């Protein structure tokens, strides 16, 4: 897959295409949350196993599973990361702001 750099000149369609891959969304959020690599939110262990089918990690110390959403504003949201990241792109790139109705219409 080709790496795309999103910037202020990128359009919404490019952002939607870029964030349509769940692994890109997972990577973007995990790099922002854990700059030094993922760690268990319960015991802070770095001994983890990634579960590819569920996009979660399993801690090898305390045996608990967790996702990248744990401990973030996305934690209890049923909305997937691809829509959240596109929404954040919209908020960051709209000069005059954006209404919640416009976001709902654009992100559907």
Protein backbone atom coordinates (compact mmCIF):
# COMPACT_ATOMS: atom_id res chain seq x y z
CA UNK A 1 0.00 0.00 0.00
CA UNK A 2 1.25 3.47 -0.86
CA UNK A 3 1.89 5.83 2.03
CA UNK A 4 0.00 9.10 1.74
CA UNK A 5 0.91 12.21 3.69
CA UNK A 6 -2.19 14.19 4.58
CA UNK A 7 -1.73 17.94 4.92
CA UNK A 8 -3.71 21.14 4.59
CA UNK A 9 -3.82 20.70 0.80
CA UNK A 10 -5.29 17.22 1.00
CA UNK A 11 -9.01 16.96 0.42
CA UNK A 12 -11.64 15.15 2.42
CA UNK A 13 -11.80 12.40 -0.19
CA UNK A 14 -8.06 11.72 0.25
CA UNK A 15 -8.51 11.60 4.03
CA UNK A 16 -11.42 9.15 3.71
CA UNK A 17 -9.40 6.93 1.37
CA UNK A 18 -6.34 7.07 3.62
CA UNK A 19 -8.22 6.25 6.83
CA UNK A 20 -10.36 3.52 5.23
CA UNK A 21 -7.70 0.95 6.14
CA UNK A 22 -8.20 -0.14 9.78
CA UNK A 23 -4.47 -0.83 10.22
CA UNK A 24 -3.59 2.75 9.24
CA UNK A 25 -6.11 4.08 11.78
CA UNK A 26 -4.76 1.73 14.44
CA UNK A 27 -1.19 2.74 13.66
CA UNK A 28 -2.00 6.48 13.72
CA UNK A 29 -3.76 6.34 17.09
CA UNK A 30 -1.26 3.94 18.67
CA UNK A 31 1.71 6.13 17.64
CA UNK A 32 0.00 9.17 19.15
CA UNK A 33 -0.95 7.31 22.33
CA UNK A 34 2.24 5.29 22.83
CA UNK A 35 5.25 7.05 21.24
CA UNK A 36 7.61 4.42 22.72
CA UNK A 37 5.42 1.46 21.75
CA UNK A 38 2.23 -0.05 23.16
CA UNK A 39 1.94 -0.96 26.82
CA UNK A 40 -0.75 -2.60 28.93
CA UNK A 41 -3.12 -0.06 30.53
CA UNK A 42 -3.51 -2.30 33.61
CA UNK A 43 0.01 -3.31 34.53
CA UNK A 44 2.14 -1.13 32.18
CA UNK A 45 3.89 -4.19 30.78
CA UNK A 46 5.45 -4.05 27.34
CA UNK A 47 5.27 -7.84 26.90
CA UNK A 48 2.33 -7.94 24.50
CA UNK A 49 0.95 -10.08 21.75
CA UNK A 50 -1.03 -8.48 18.90
CA UNK A 51 -4.25 -10.24 17.86
CA UNK A 52 -4.52 -9.44 14.14
CA UNK A 53 -8.11 -10.68 13.73
CA UNK A 54 -9.49 -8.45 16.51
CA UNK A 55 -7.01 -5.54 16.24
CA UNK A 56 -6.28 -5.82 19.95
CA UNK A 57 -3.31 -6.63 22.15
CA UNK A 58 -3.08 -9.30 24.83
CA UNK A 59 -0.84 -8.60 27.78
CA UNK A 60 1.44 -11.56 28.48
CA UNK A 61 1.78 -10.53 32.15
CA UNK A 62 -1.82 -10.00 33.32
CA UNK A 63 -3.52 -11.85 30.40
CA UNK A 64 -5.99 -9.02 29.70
CA UNK A 65 -6.91 -7.87 26.21
CA UNK A 66 -7.12 -4.20 25.28
CA UNK A 67 -7.52 -2.07 22.19
CA UNK A 68 -6.01 1.23 21.16
CA UNK A 69 -9.26 2.95 22.20
CA UNK A 70 -8.77 2.18 25.92
CA UNK A 71 -8.02 5.34 27.88
CA UNK A 72 -8.92 7.70 25.03
CA UNK A 73 -11.96 9.77 24.08
CA UNK A 74 -12.88 6.95 21.67
CA UNK A 75 -13.16 4.31 24.42
CA UNK A 76 -16.93 3.95 24.79
CA UNK A 77 -17.82 5.10 21.30
CA UNK A 78 -19.45 2.66 18.89
CA UNK A 79 -18.10 4.78 16.01
CA UNK A 80 -15.08 3.23 14.30
CA UNK A 81 -11.70 4.93 14.19
CA UNK A 82 -11.88 5.61 10.44
CA UNK A 83 -14.82 7.95 10.96
CA UNK A 84 -13.27 9.57 14.04
CA UNK A 85 -10.01 10.30 12.25
CA UNK A 86 -11.81 11.75 9.20
CA UNK A 87 -13.83 13.93 11.57
CA UNK A 88 -10.67 15.16 13.25
CA UNK A 89 -9.20 15.92 9.83
CA UNK A 90 -12.33 17.97 9.02
CA UNK A 91 -12.09 19.89 12.29
CA UNK A 92 -8.43 20.64 11.76
CA UNK A 93 -8.75 21.74 8.15
CA UNK A 94 -11.96 23.81 8.04
CA UNK A 95 -10.97 27.45 8.32
CA UNK A 96 -14.37 28.70 9.47
CA UNK A 97 -15.19 25.74 11.69
CA UNK A 98 -17.60 22.95 10.98
CA UNK A 99 -21.01 22.16 12.42
CA UNK A 100 -22.01 18.80 13.82
CA UNK A 101 -24.66 18.50 11.10
CA UNK A 102 -22.02 19.02 8.42
CA UNK A 103 -19.80 16.38 10.00
CA UNK A 104 -22.68 13.91 10.17
CA UNK A 105 -23.51 14.55 6.52
CA UNK A 106 -19.89 14.28 5.32
CA UNK A 107 -18.79 11.25 7.31
CA UNK A 108 -21.73 8.94 6.70
